[in-house]
């Protein structure tokens, strides 16, 4: 894995309930984890406030796949642009309603991504965000 090649240890922690999220973050804090990436998930989206609060409580810099986490106080996100994905769904729906068989439509992948940073959270974690990184962000929350 890339993490090992860079001399980093990758730890995968799974959680399927709110309680398991609490336990996972406590474990990551005990193990002095440097940073967390929260994978996209319906459960995690519904529990975004809990995840952001736990990241702050344990001083764990966390990155997410959706901008909504950054808007809720998370540090940063990088993921598919949801508005663009919804537009693609609309295009597909229109084609299907005009008679195209779904099986005849090509598989689409996101081509538009967005990067957001919350500077308030970075400051609370004692992190300095380099200007070059800020200049690449699609949204900076101050």
C-alpha atoms as a PDB file:
ATOM      1  CA  UNK A   1       0.000   0.000   0.000  1.00  0.00           C
ATOM      2  CA  UNK A   2       1.017   3.619  -0.513  1.00  0.00           C
ATOM      3  CA  UNK A   3       0.946   4.269   3.235  1.00  0.00           C
ATOM      4  CA  UNK A   4       3.572   1.591   3.875  1.00  0.00           C
ATOM      5  CA  UNK A   5       5.722   2.868   1.017  1.00  0.00           C
ATOM      6  CA  UNK A   6       5.755   6.280   2.684  1.00  0.00           C
ATOM      7  CA  UNK A   7       6.660   4.820   6.072  1.00  0.00           C
ATOM      8  CA  UNK A   8       3.134   5.273   7.407  1.00  0.00           C
ATOM      9  CA  UNK A   9       0.912   2.751   9.107  1.00  0.00           C
ATOM     10  CA  UNK A  10      -2.627   2.561   7.770  1.00  0.00           C
ATOM     11  CA  UNK A  11      -5.237   1.587  10.355  1.00  0.00           C
ATOM     12  CA  UNK A  12      -8.718   0.653   9.175  1.00  0.00           C
ATOM     13  CA  UNK A  13     -11.476   1.007  11.750  1.00  0.00           C
ATOM     14  CA  UNK A  14     -15.043   0.033  10.961  1.00  0.00           C
ATOM     15  CA  UNK A  15     -18.199   1.333  12.610  1.00  0.00           C
ATOM     16  CA  UNK A  16     -21.830   0.498  11.866  1.00  0.00           C
ATOM     17  CA  UNK A  17     -23.584   2.333  14.711  1.00  0.00           C
ATOM     18  CA  UNK A  18     -23.267   5.584  16.611  1.00  0.00           C
ATOM     19  CA  UNK A  19     -21.816   3.725  19.574  1.00  0.00           C
ATOM     20  CA  UNK A  20     -19.222   2.021  17.374  1.00  0.00           C
ATOM     21  CA  UNK A  21     -18.209   5.437  16.026  1.00  0.00           C
ATOM     22  CA  UNK A  22     -17.576   6.612  19.607  1.00  0.00           C
ATOM     23  CA  UNK A  23     -15.497   3.504  20.327  1.00  0.00           C
ATOM     24  CA  UNK A  24     -13.543   3.847  17.071  1.00  0.00           C
ATOM     25  CA  UNK A  25     -12.543   7.451  17.766  1.00  0.00           C
ATOM     26  CA  UNK A  26     -11.549   6.630  21.337  1.00  0.00           C
ATOM     27  CA  UNK A  27      -9.334   3.858  19.969  1.00  0.00           C
ATOM     28  CA  UNK A  28      -7.776   6.136  17.353  1.00  0.00           C
ATOM     29  CA  UNK A  29      -7.018   8.716  20.053  1.00  0.00           C
ATOM     30  CA  UNK A  30      -5.507   6.080  22.379  1.00  0.00           C
ATOM     31  CA  UNK A  31      -3.282   4.872  19.545  1.00  0.00           C
ATOM     32  CA  UNK A  32      -2.191   8.471  18.878  1.00  0.00           C
ATOM     33  CA  UNK A  33      -3.397   8.431  15.273  1.00  0.00           C
ATOM     34  CA  UNK A  34      -2.073  11.371  13.270  1.00  0.00           C
ATOM     35  CA  UNK A  35      -5.100  11.864  11.018  1.00  0.00           C
ATOM     36  CA  UNK A  36      -8.387  10.275  10.000  1.00  0.00           C
ATOM     37  CA  UNK A  37     -10.146   9.818   6.680  1.00  0.00           C
ATOM     38  CA  UNK A  38     -13.877   9.164   6.989  1.00  0.00           C
ATOM     39  CA  UNK A  39     -15.065   7.162   3.990  1.00  0.00           C
ATOM     40  CA  UNK A  40     -18.330   8.081   2.285  1.00  0.00           C
ATOM     41  CA  UNK A  41     -21.276   6.303   3.881  1.00  0.00           C
ATOM     42  CA  UNK A  42     -24.954   6.952   4.485  1.00  0.00           C
ATOM     43  CA  UNK A  43     -24.437   6.268   8.206  1.00  0.00           C
ATOM     44  CA  UNK A  44     -21.531   8.698   8.403  1.00  0.00           C
ATOM     45  CA  UNK A  45     -23.471  11.363   6.509  1.00  0.00           C
ATOM     46  CA  UNK A  46     -26.324  11.012   8.993  1.00  0.00           C
ATOM     47  CA  UNK A  47     -23.836  11.122  11.879  1.00  0.00           C
ATOM     48  CA  UNK A  48     -21.681  13.945  10.517  1.00  0.00           C
ATOM     49  CA  UNK A  49     -22.145  16.110  13.635  1.00  0.00           C
ATOM     50  CA  UNK A  50     -21.025  13.236  15.851  1.00  0.00           C
ATOM     51  CA  UNK A  51     -17.960  12.618  13.687  1.00  0.00           C
ATOM     52  CA  UNK A  52     -16.986  16.297  13.641  1.00  0.00           C
ATOM     53  CA  UNK A  53     -17.432  16.610  17.421  1.00  0.00           C
ATOM     54  CA  UNK A  54     -15.342  13.497  18.075  1.00  0.00           C
ATOM     55  CA  UNK A  55     -12.593  14.729  15.752  1.00  0.00           C
ATOM     56  CA  UNK A  56     -12.496  18.001  17.698  1.00  0.00           C
ATOM     57  CA  UNK A  57     -12.672  16.310  21.111  1.00  0.00           C
ATOM     58  CA  UNK A  58      -9.741  14.031  20.354  1.00  0.00           C
ATOM     59  CA  UNK A  59      -7.840  16.677  18.307  1.00  0.00           C
ATOM     60  CA  UNK A  60      -7.781  14.376  15.286  1.00  0.00           C
ATOM     61  CA  UNK A  61      -7.444  16.140  11.936  1.00  0.00           C
ATOM     62  CA  UNK A  62     -10.048  14.494   9.713  1.00  0.00           C
ATOM     63  CA  UNK A  63     -10.752  14.532   6.001  1.00  0.00           C
ATOM     64  CA  UNK A  64     -14.098  13.609   4.513  1.00  0.00           C
ATOM     65  CA  UNK A  65     -15.530  12.850   1.080  1.00  0.00           C
ATOM     66  CA  UNK A  66     -18.318  15.462   1.288  1.00  0.00           C
ATOM     67  CA  UNK A  67     -18.258  19.245   1.741  1.00  0.00           C
ATOM     68  CA  UNK A  68     -21.198  19.046   4.187  1.00  0.00           C
ATOM     69  CA  UNK A  69     -18.783  17.732   6.834  1.00  0.00           C
ATOM     70  CA  UNK A  70     -16.588  20.825   6.449  1.00  0.00           C
ATOM     71  CA  UNK A  71     -19.658  23.045   6.670  1.00  0.00           C
ATOM     72  CA  UNK A  72     -20.472  21.234   9.948  1.00  0.00           C
ATOM     73  CA  UNK A  73     -16.983  21.981  11.318  1.00  0.00           C
ATOM     74  CA  UNK A  74     -14.831  19.239   9.822  1.00  0.00           C
ATOM     75  CA  UNK A  75     -11.298  20.091   8.723  1.00  0.00           C
ATOM     76  CA  UNK A  76     -11.323  19.281   5.007  1.00  0.00           C
ATOM     77  CA  UNK A  77     -13.068  17.346   2.291  1.00  0.00           C
ATOM     78  CA  UNK A  78     -12.313  16.116  -1.170  1.00  0.00           C
ATOM     79  CA  UNK A  79     -14.887  14.275  -3.209  1.00  0.00           C
ATOM     80  CA  UNK A  80     -17.247  14.216  -6.127  1.00  0.00           C
ATOM     81  CA  UNK A  81     -19.243  17.388  -6.712  1.00  0.00           C
ATOM     82  CA  UNK A  82     -22.765  16.345  -5.641  1.00  0.00           C
ATOM     83  CA  UNK A  83     -24.479  18.979  -7.805  1.00  0.00           C
ATOM     84  CA  UNK A  84     -22.675  17.613 -10.858  1.00  0.00           C
ATOM     85  CA  UNK A  85     -23.599  14.024  -9.942  1.00  0.00           C
ATOM     86  CA  UNK A  86     -27.263  15.029  -9.575  1.00  0.00           C
ATOM     87  CA  UNK A  87     -27.105  16.720 -12.979  1.00  0.00           C
ATOM     88  CA  UNK A  88     -25.765  13.483 -14.469  1.00  0.00           C
ATOM     89  CA  UNK A  89     -28.680  11.568 -12.907  1.00  0.00           C
ATOM     90  CA  UNK A  90     -31.055  14.045 -14.534  1.00  0.00           C
ATOM     91  CA  UNK A  91     -29.444  13.538 -17.937  1.00  0.00           C
ATOM     92  CA  UNK A  92     -29.735   9.757 -17.575  1.00  0.00           C
ATOM     93  CA  UNK A  93     -33.347  10.031 -16.429  1.00  0.00           C
ATOM     94  CA  UNK A  94     -34.171  12.176 -19.453  1.00  0.00           C
ATOM     95  CA  UNK A  95     -32.580   9.678 -21.809  1.00  0.00           C
ATOM     96  CA  UNK A  96     -34.481   6.779 -20.213  1.00  0.00           C
ATOM     97  CA  UNK A  97     -37.779   8.673 -20.403  1.00  0.00           C
ATOM     98  CA  UNK A  98     -37.083   9.258 -24.109  1.00  0.00           C
ATOM     99  CA  UNK A  99     -36.746   5.493 -24.656  1.00  0.00           C
ATOM    100  CA  UNK A 100     -33.092   4.603 -24.151  1.00  0.00           C
ATOM    101  CA  UNK A 101     -32.711   1.280 -22.351  1.00  0.00           C
ATOM    102  CA  UNK A 102     -30.754   1.715 -19.097  1.00  0.00           C
ATOM    103  CA  UNK A 103     -28.485  -1.190 -20.117  1.00  0.00           C
ATOM    104  CA  UNK A 104     -27.492   0.805 -23.223  1.00  0.00           C
ATOM    105  CA  UNK A 105     -26.276   3.797 -21.221  1.00  0.00           C
ATOM    106  CA  UNK A 106     -22.565   4.011 -20.461  1.00  0.00           C
ATOM    107  CA  UNK A 107     -21.356   3.729 -16.892  1.00  0.00           C
ATOM    108  CA  UNK A 108     -20.510   7.217 -15.709  1.00  0.00           C
ATOM    109  CA  UNK A 109     -17.977   8.249 -13.115  1.00  0.00           C
ATOM    110  CA  UNK A 110     -17.626  11.623 -11.525  1.00  0.00           C
ATOM    111  CA  UNK A 111     -15.302  13.932 -13.377  1.00  0.00           C
ATOM    112  CA  UNK A 112     -15.822  17.017 -11.244  1.00  0.00           C
ATOM    113  CA  UNK A 113     -14.466  17.061  -7.703  1.00  0.00           C
ATOM    114  CA  UNK A 114     -14.432  19.677  -4.965  1.00  0.00           C
ATOM    115  CA  UNK A 115     -11.951  20.450  -2.222  1.00  0.00           C
ATOM    116  CA  UNK A 116     -12.996  22.393   0.890  1.00  0.00           C
ATOM    117  CA  UNK A 117     -11.055  23.512   3.965  1.00  0.00           C
ATOM    118  CA  UNK A 118     -12.369  24.909   7.244  1.00  0.00           C
ATOM    119  CA  UNK A 119      -9.748  27.373   8.546  1.00  0.00           C
ATOM    120  CA  UNK A 120     -11.533  27.754  11.885  1.00  0.00           C
ATOM    121  CA  UNK A 121     -11.108  24.028  12.482  1.00  0.00           C
ATOM    122  CA  UNK A 122      -7.484  24.107  11.318  1.00  0.00           C
ATOM    123  CA  UNK A 123      -6.783  26.895  13.821  1.00  0.00           C
ATOM    124  CA  UNK A 124      -8.544  25.010  16.629  1.00  0.00           C
ATOM    125  CA  UNK A 125      -6.342  21.985  15.870  1.00  0.00           C
ATOM    126  CA  UNK A 126      -3.210  24.159  15.794  1.00  0.00           C
ATOM    127  CA  UNK A 127      -2.615  23.450  12.104  1.00  0.00           C
ATOM    128  CA  UNK A 128      -1.129  25.956   9.692  1.00  0.00           C
ATOM    129  CA  UNK A 129      -2.592  25.505   6.225  1.00  0.00           C
ATOM    130  CA  UNK A 130      -0.042  26.410   3.556  1.00  0.00           C
ATOM    131  CA  UNK A 131      -1.160  29.178   1.173  1.00  0.00           C
ATOM    132  CA  UNK A 132      -0.508  26.876  -1.789  1.00  0.00           C
ATOM    133  CA  UNK A 133      -3.057  24.393  -0.400  1.00  0.00           C
ATOM    134  CA  UNK A 134      -5.570  27.176   0.281  1.00  0.00           C
ATOM    135  CA  UNK A 135      -5.194  28.397  -3.299  1.00  0.00           C
ATOM    136  CA  UNK A 136      -6.268  24.996  -4.642  1.00  0.00           C
ATOM    137  CA  UNK A 137      -9.420  24.808  -2.503  1.00  0.00           C
ATOM    138  CA  UNK A 138     -12.794  25.324  -4.148  1.00  0.00           C
ATOM    139  CA  UNK A 139     -14.140  26.619  -0.828  1.00  0.00           C
ATOM    140  CA  UNK A 140     -12.398  27.997   2.255  1.00  0.00           C
ATOM    141  CA  UNK A 141     -14.547  28.461   5.348  1.00  0.00           C
ATOM    142  CA  UNK A 142     -13.241  31.177   7.674  1.00  0.00           C
END
